[in-house]
């Protein structure tokens, strides 16, 4: 993964929102990991935040994540890859977000079927 700027990260969030990209999102906070399919439903460059809708066990959850002082790493594999973190699906891109308070999130974009 390569380190990218916040501006580049928000361009990726914008692309995913506009394309209604199917993502899988994992949150890591306080030693606890939660993961679920999700979508970007909003973001604000001004407020430095992204809003995510995740669905798990039939329940949807909306969450706005403040990204002030976050660092971002991005990877777009040459071939769709399989991340053991998210099971057997193929993934086209990964965006890892890390905040100074220890919170982190991994967004994985599902590869489109050919």
N, C-alpha and C. Protein backbone atom coordinates (compact mmCIF):
# COMPACT_ATOMS: atom_id res chain seq x y z
N UNK A 1 0.85 -1.17 0.00
CA UNK A 1 0.00 0.00 0.00
C UNK A 1 0.89 1.24 0.00
N UNK A 2 0.42 2.26 -0.70
CA UNK A 2 1.17 3.51 -0.74
C UNK A 2 0.42 4.58 0.05
N UNK A 3 1.17 5.45 0.68
CA UNK A 3 0.58 6.55 1.42
C UNK A 3 0.05 7.58 0.42
N UNK A 4 -1.19 8.06 0.66
CA UNK A 4 -1.77 9.08 -0.21
C UNK A 4 -2.22 10.26 0.65
N UNK A 5 -2.49 11.37 -0.01
CA UNK A 5 -2.92 12.58 0.69
C UNK A 5 -4.41 12.50 1.04
N UNK A 6 -4.85 13.31 1.99
CA UNK A 6 -6.29 13.37 2.27
C UNK A 6 -7.11 13.76 1.03
N UNK A 7 -6.57 14.65 0.21
CA UNK A 7 -7.28 15.05 -1.00
C UNK A 7 -7.49 13.86 -1.94
N UNK A 8 -6.47 13.03 -2.08
CA UNK A 8 -6.60 11.84 -2.91
C UNK A 8 -7.61 10.87 -2.31
N UNK A 9 -7.59 10.72 -1.00
CA UNK A 9 -8.55 9.83 -0.33
C UNK A 9 -9.98 10.29 -0.57
N UNK A 10 -10.22 11.60 -0.48
CA UNK A 10 -11.58 12.11 -0.71
C UNK A 10 -12.00 11.95 -2.16
N UNK A 11 -11.06 11.99 -3.10
CA UNK A 11 -11.40 11.69 -4.50
C UNK A 11 -11.86 10.24 -4.64
N UNK A 12 -11.22 9.34 -3.91
CA UNK A 12 -11.61 7.92 -3.93
C UNK A 12 -12.99 7.76 -3.31
N UNK A 13 -13.23 8.39 -2.15
CA UNK A 13 -14.56 8.33 -1.53
C UNK A 13 -15.62 8.88 -2.48
N UNK A 14 -15.31 9.97 -3.18
CA UNK A 14 -16.26 10.56 -4.13
C UNK A 14 -16.57 9.58 -5.27
N UNK A 15 -15.53 8.95 -5.79
CA UNK A 15 -15.72 7.97 -6.88
C UNK A 15 -16.60 6.82 -6.39
N UNK A 16 -16.32 6.30 -5.21
CA UNK A 16 -17.10 5.18 -4.68
C UNK A 16 -18.55 5.59 -4.43
N UNK A 17 -18.77 6.82 -3.96
CA UNK A 17 -20.14 7.27 -3.72
C UNK A 17 -20.89 7.42 -5.04
N UNK A 18 -20.27 8.07 -6.01
CA UNK A 18 -20.91 8.31 -7.30
C UNK A 18 -21.21 7.01 -8.03
N UNK A 19 -20.34 6.03 -7.91
CA UNK A 19 -20.54 4.76 -8.62
C UNK A 19 -21.34 3.76 -7.80
N UNK A 20 -21.71 4.14 -6.57
CA UNK A 20 -22.43 3.23 -5.66
C UNK A 20 -21.66 1.92 -5.50
N UNK A 21 -20.33 2.07 -5.37
CA UNK A 21 -19.44 0.90 -5.29
C UNK A 21 -19.80 0.02 -4.10
N UNK A 22 -19.75 -1.29 -4.32
CA UNK A 22 -19.96 -2.26 -3.25
C UNK A 22 -18.64 -2.44 -2.52
N UNK A 23 -18.65 -2.11 -1.25
CA UNK A 23 -17.45 -2.17 -0.43
C UNK A 23 -17.63 -3.19 0.67
N UNK A 24 -16.54 -3.53 1.28
CA UNK A 24 -16.57 -4.26 2.54
C UNK A 24 -15.73 -3.38 3.47
N UNK A 25 -16.26 -3.09 4.65
CA UNK A 25 -15.62 -2.15 5.55
C UNK A 25 -15.31 -2.85 6.87
N UNK A 26 -14.09 -2.70 7.32
CA UNK A 26 -13.69 -3.23 8.63
C UNK A 26 -13.24 -2.07 9.49
N UNK A 27 -13.79 -2.00 10.70
CA UNK A 27 -13.39 -1.00 11.68
C UNK A 27 -12.59 -1.69 12.77
N UNK A 28 -11.53 -1.04 13.21
CA UNK A 28 -10.69 -1.55 14.29
C UNK A 28 -10.61 -0.46 15.35
N UNK A 29 -11.19 -0.71 16.51
CA UNK A 29 -11.11 0.28 17.58
C UNK A 29 -11.15 -0.42 18.93
N UNK A 30 -10.27 0.00 19.80
CA UNK A 30 -10.20 -0.56 21.14
C UNK A 30 -9.97 -2.06 21.16
N UNK A 31 -9.21 -2.57 20.20
CA UNK A 31 -8.93 -3.99 20.14
C UNK A 31 -10.06 -4.83 19.56
N UNK A 32 -11.15 -4.17 19.13
CA UNK A 32 -12.29 -4.88 18.58
C UNK A 32 -12.37 -4.61 17.07
N UNK A 33 -12.63 -5.67 16.32
CA UNK A 33 -12.77 -5.58 14.86
C UNK A 33 -14.21 -5.89 14.49
N UNK A 34 -14.82 -5.01 13.69
CA UNK A 34 -16.13 -5.29 13.11
C UNK A 34 -16.00 -5.13 11.61
N UNK A 35 -16.70 -5.95 10.86
CA UNK A 35 -16.62 -5.88 9.41
C UNK A 35 -17.98 -6.19 8.81
N UNK A 36 -18.31 -5.51 7.71
CA UNK A 36 -19.60 -5.71 7.07
C UNK A 36 -19.57 -5.12 5.67
N UNK A 37 -20.46 -5.60 4.79
CA UNK A 37 -20.62 -4.95 3.50
C UNK A 37 -21.09 -3.51 3.71
N UNK A 38 -20.70 -2.62 2.82
CA UNK A 38 -21.10 -1.23 3.00
C UNK A 38 -21.01 -0.39 1.76
N UNK A 39 -21.46 0.86 1.90
CA UNK A 39 -21.47 1.85 0.84
C UNK A 39 -21.14 3.21 1.44
N UNK A 40 -20.52 4.06 0.64
CA UNK A 40 -20.29 5.44 1.04
C UNK A 40 -21.57 6.19 0.69
N UNK A 41 -22.22 6.82 1.68
CA UNK A 41 -23.42 7.58 1.36
C UNK A 41 -23.21 9.08 1.51
N UNK A 42 -22.04 9.49 1.95
CA UNK A 42 -21.73 10.90 2.04
C UNK A 42 -20.31 11.13 2.51
N UNK A 43 -19.83 12.33 2.26
CA UNK A 43 -18.51 12.73 2.75
C UNK A 43 -18.46 14.24 2.72
N UNK A 44 -17.58 14.80 3.51
CA UNK A 44 -17.41 16.24 3.55
C UNK A 44 -15.92 16.56 3.63
N UNK A 45 -15.43 17.23 2.61
CA UNK A 45 -14.03 17.66 2.61
C UNK A 45 -13.87 18.75 3.66
N UNK A 46 -14.87 19.63 3.79
CA UNK A 46 -14.81 20.72 4.76
C UNK A 46 -14.75 20.20 6.19
N UNK A 47 -15.63 19.25 6.52
CA UNK A 47 -15.66 18.66 7.87
C UNK A 47 -14.67 17.52 8.04
N UNK A 48 -14.01 17.13 6.95
CA UNK A 48 -13.07 16.01 6.96
C UNK A 48 -13.72 14.77 7.57
N UNK A 49 -14.78 14.31 6.92
CA UNK A 49 -15.49 13.13 7.41
C UNK A 49 -16.04 12.33 6.23
N UNK A 50 -16.31 11.06 6.49
CA UNK A 50 -16.94 10.19 5.51
C UNK A 50 -18.08 9.47 6.23
N UNK A 51 -19.19 9.29 5.52
CA UNK A 51 -20.35 8.61 6.09
C UNK A 51 -20.54 7.29 5.36
N UNK A 52 -20.70 6.23 6.15
CA UNK A 52 -20.75 4.87 5.63
C UNK A 52 -22.03 4.20 6.10
N UNK A 53 -22.65 3.46 5.20
CA UNK A 53 -23.79 2.61 5.55
C UNK A 53 -23.29 1.17 5.47
N UNK A 54 -23.41 0.44 6.59
CA UNK A 54 -23.03 -0.98 6.58
C UNK A 54 -24.25 -1.82 6.89
N UNK A 55 -24.23 -3.06 6.41
CA UNK A 55 -25.34 -3.98 6.64
C UNK A 55 -24.77 -5.27 7.22
N UNK A 56 -25.29 -5.65 8.39
CA UNK A 56 -24.83 -6.87 9.05
C UNK A 56 -26.01 -7.54 9.73
N UNK A 57 -26.18 -8.81 9.46
CA UNK A 57 -27.24 -9.61 10.06
C UNK A 57 -28.61 -8.97 9.87
N UNK A 58 -28.84 -8.39 8.69
CA UNK A 58 -30.12 -7.80 8.37
C UNK A 58 -30.35 -6.40 8.90
N UNK A 59 -29.39 -5.84 9.61
CA UNK A 59 -29.53 -4.50 10.15
C UNK A 59 -28.57 -3.55 9.44
N UNK A 60 -29.07 -2.36 9.11
CA UNK A 60 -28.19 -1.36 8.51
C UNK A 60 -27.80 -0.34 9.57
N UNK A 61 -26.57 0.12 9.46
CA UNK A 61 -26.03 1.09 10.40
C UNK A 61 -25.36 2.20 9.62
N UNK A 62 -25.70 3.44 9.95
CA UNK A 62 -25.03 4.59 9.37
C UNK A 62 -24.02 5.10 10.38
N UNK A 63 -22.84 5.44 9.87
CA UNK A 63 -21.78 5.91 10.74
C UNK A 63 -20.98 6.99 10.02
N UNK A 64 -20.77 8.11 10.69
CA UNK A 64 -19.93 9.16 10.15
C UNK A 64 -18.59 9.11 10.87
N UNK A 65 -17.53 9.04 10.09
CA UNK A 65 -16.19 8.87 10.65
C UNK A 65 -15.41 10.17 10.46
N UNK A 66 -15.01 10.82 11.55
CA UNK A 66 -14.18 12.03 11.43
C UNK A 66 -12.77 11.63 10.99
N UNK A 67 -12.24 12.35 10.02
CA UNK A 67 -10.95 11.97 9.45
C UNK A 67 -9.87 13.03 9.65
N UNK A 68 -10.10 13.97 10.56
CA UNK A 68 -9.09 14.98 10.84
C UNK A 68 -7.82 14.31 11.34
N UNK A 69 -6.70 14.67 10.74
CA UNK A 69 -5.37 14.13 11.07
C UNK A 69 -5.21 12.65 10.71
N UNK A 70 -6.09 12.11 9.89
CA UNK A 70 -5.96 10.71 9.48
C UNK A 70 -4.83 10.56 8.47
N UNK A 71 -4.27 9.36 8.44
CA UNK A 71 -3.33 9.00 7.38
C UNK A 71 -4.04 7.96 6.52
N UNK A 72 -3.70 7.96 5.23
CA UNK A 72 -4.37 7.10 4.27
C UNK A 72 -3.35 6.32 3.46
N UNK A 73 -3.65 5.05 3.26
CA UNK A 73 -2.84 4.21 2.37
C UNK A 73 -3.79 3.53 1.38
N UNK A 74 -3.32 3.40 0.15
CA UNK A 74 -4.17 2.89 -0.92
C UNK A 74 -3.43 1.84 -1.73
N UNK A 75 -4.19 0.87 -2.20
CA UNK A 75 -3.61 -0.14 -3.09
C UNK A 75 -4.66 -0.52 -4.12
N UNK A 76 -4.20 -0.61 -5.35
CA UNK A 76 -5.03 -1.09 -6.44
C UNK A 76 -4.23 -2.21 -7.12
N UNK A 77 -4.51 -3.45 -6.78
CA UNK A 77 -3.72 -4.56 -7.30
C UNK A 77 -3.78 -4.65 -8.83
N UNK A 78 -2.73 -5.19 -9.42
CA UNK A 78 -2.71 -5.41 -10.87
C UNK A 78 -3.83 -6.35 -11.28
N UNK A 79 -4.06 -7.36 -10.47
CA UNK A 79 -5.14 -8.32 -10.68
C UNK A 79 -6.06 -8.23 -9.46
N UNK A 80 -7.37 -8.39 -9.65
CA UNK A 80 -8.23 -8.44 -8.46
C UNK A 80 -7.67 -9.49 -7.49
N UNK A 81 -7.56 -9.12 -6.23
CA UNK A 81 -6.95 -10.02 -5.26
C UNK A 81 -7.98 -10.50 -4.25
N UNK A 82 -7.57 -11.48 -3.51
CA UNK A 82 -8.42 -12.02 -2.46
C UNK A 82 -7.81 -11.63 -1.12
N UNK A 83 -8.59 -10.92 -0.32
CA UNK A 83 -8.13 -10.54 1.01
C UNK A 83 -8.74 -11.52 2.00
N UNK A 84 -7.90 -12.24 2.69
CA UNK A 84 -8.43 -13.22 3.64
C UNK A 84 -9.30 -12.54 4.70
N UNK A 85 -9.06 -11.27 4.92
CA UNK A 85 -9.84 -10.49 5.88
C UNK A 85 -11.34 -10.52 5.53
N UNK A 86 -11.65 -10.62 4.23
CA UNK A 86 -13.04 -10.51 3.78
C UNK A 86 -13.55 -11.73 3.05
N UNK A 87 -12.97 -12.87 3.27
CA UNK A 87 -13.49 -14.09 2.67
C UNK A 87 -13.02 -14.31 1.25
N UNK A 88 -13.86 -14.98 0.47
CA UNK A 88 -13.46 -15.47 -0.84
C UNK A 88 -13.73 -14.52 -2.00
N UNK A 89 -14.35 -13.37 -1.77
CA UNK A 89 -14.62 -12.44 -2.87
C UNK A 89 -13.32 -11.85 -3.41
N UNK A 90 -13.38 -11.31 -4.62
CA UNK A 90 -12.23 -10.64 -5.21
C UNK A 90 -12.37 -9.14 -5.00
N UNK A 91 -11.24 -8.48 -4.75
CA UNK A 91 -11.24 -7.07 -4.41
C UNK A 91 -10.37 -6.30 -5.38
N UNK A 92 -10.85 -5.13 -5.80
CA UNK A 92 -10.16 -4.33 -6.80
C UNK A 92 -9.28 -3.23 -6.20
N UNK A 93 -9.63 -2.75 -5.00
CA UNK A 93 -8.87 -1.66 -4.39
C UNK A 93 -9.07 -1.68 -2.88
N UNK A 94 -8.06 -1.16 -2.19
CA UNK A 94 -8.11 -1.06 -0.73
C UNK A 94 -7.73 0.34 -0.31
N UNK A 95 -8.44 0.88 0.67
CA UNK A 95 -8.09 2.16 1.27
C UNK A 95 -8.06 1.95 2.78
N UNK A 96 -6.90 2.16 3.37
CA UNK A 96 -6.72 1.98 4.81
C UNK A 96 -6.62 3.36 5.43
N UNK A 97 -7.42 3.60 6.47
CA UNK A 97 -7.47 4.88 7.17
C UNK A 97 -7.03 4.65 8.61
N UNK A 98 -6.12 5.49 9.09
CA UNK A 98 -5.66 5.36 10.47
C UNK A 98 -5.68 6.73 11.14
N UNK A 99 -6.29 6.78 12.34
CA UNK A 99 -6.37 8.02 13.11
C UNK A 99 -5.39 7.97 14.27
N UNK A 100 -4.94 9.14 14.75
CA UNK A 100 -3.98 9.17 15.86
C UNK A 100 -4.50 8.51 17.14
N UNK A 101 -5.82 8.44 17.33
CA UNK A 101 -6.38 7.86 18.57
C UNK A 101 -6.41 6.33 18.55
N UNK A 102 -5.89 5.71 17.47
CA UNK A 102 -5.85 4.26 17.39
C UNK A 102 -6.95 3.65 16.55
N UNK A 103 -8.00 4.42 16.21
CA UNK A 103 -9.06 3.92 15.34
C UNK A 103 -8.50 3.74 13.94
N UNK A 104 -8.90 2.67 13.28
CA UNK A 104 -8.54 2.50 11.87
C UNK A 104 -9.69 1.80 11.14
N UNK A 105 -9.68 1.96 9.85
CA UNK A 105 -10.72 1.34 9.01
C UNK A 105 -10.08 0.89 7.71
N UNK A 106 -10.56 -0.21 7.21
CA UNK A 106 -10.14 -0.72 5.91
C UNK A 106 -11.35 -0.79 5.01
N UNK A 107 -11.29 -0.10 3.88
CA UNK A 107 -12.35 -0.14 2.88
C UNK A 107 -11.84 -0.96 1.70
N UNK A 108 -12.58 -1.97 1.32
CA UNK A 108 -12.19 -2.82 0.19
C UNK A 108 -13.29 -2.73 -0.87
N UNK A 109 -12.90 -2.39 -2.09
CA UNK A 109 -13.86 -2.29 -3.20
C UNK A 109 -13.94 -3.64 -3.89
N UNK A 110 -15.15 -4.15 -4.00
CA UNK A 110 -15.37 -5.43 -4.65
C UNK A 110 -15.06 -5.32 -6.14
N UNK A 111 -14.33 -6.28 -6.68
CA UNK A 111 -14.03 -6.32 -8.11
C UNK A 111 -15.31 -6.64 -8.87
N UNK A 112 -15.50 -5.98 -9.99
CA UNK A 112 -16.68 -6.22 -10.81
C UNK A 112 -16.52 -7.54 -11.55
N UNK A 113 -17.60 -8.28 -11.64
CA UNK A 113 -17.58 -9.54 -12.38
C UNK A 113 -17.39 -9.25 -13.85
N UNK A 114 -16.66 -10.12 -14.49
CA UNK A 114 -16.43 -9.93 -15.94
C UNK A 114 -17.30 -10.88 -16.71
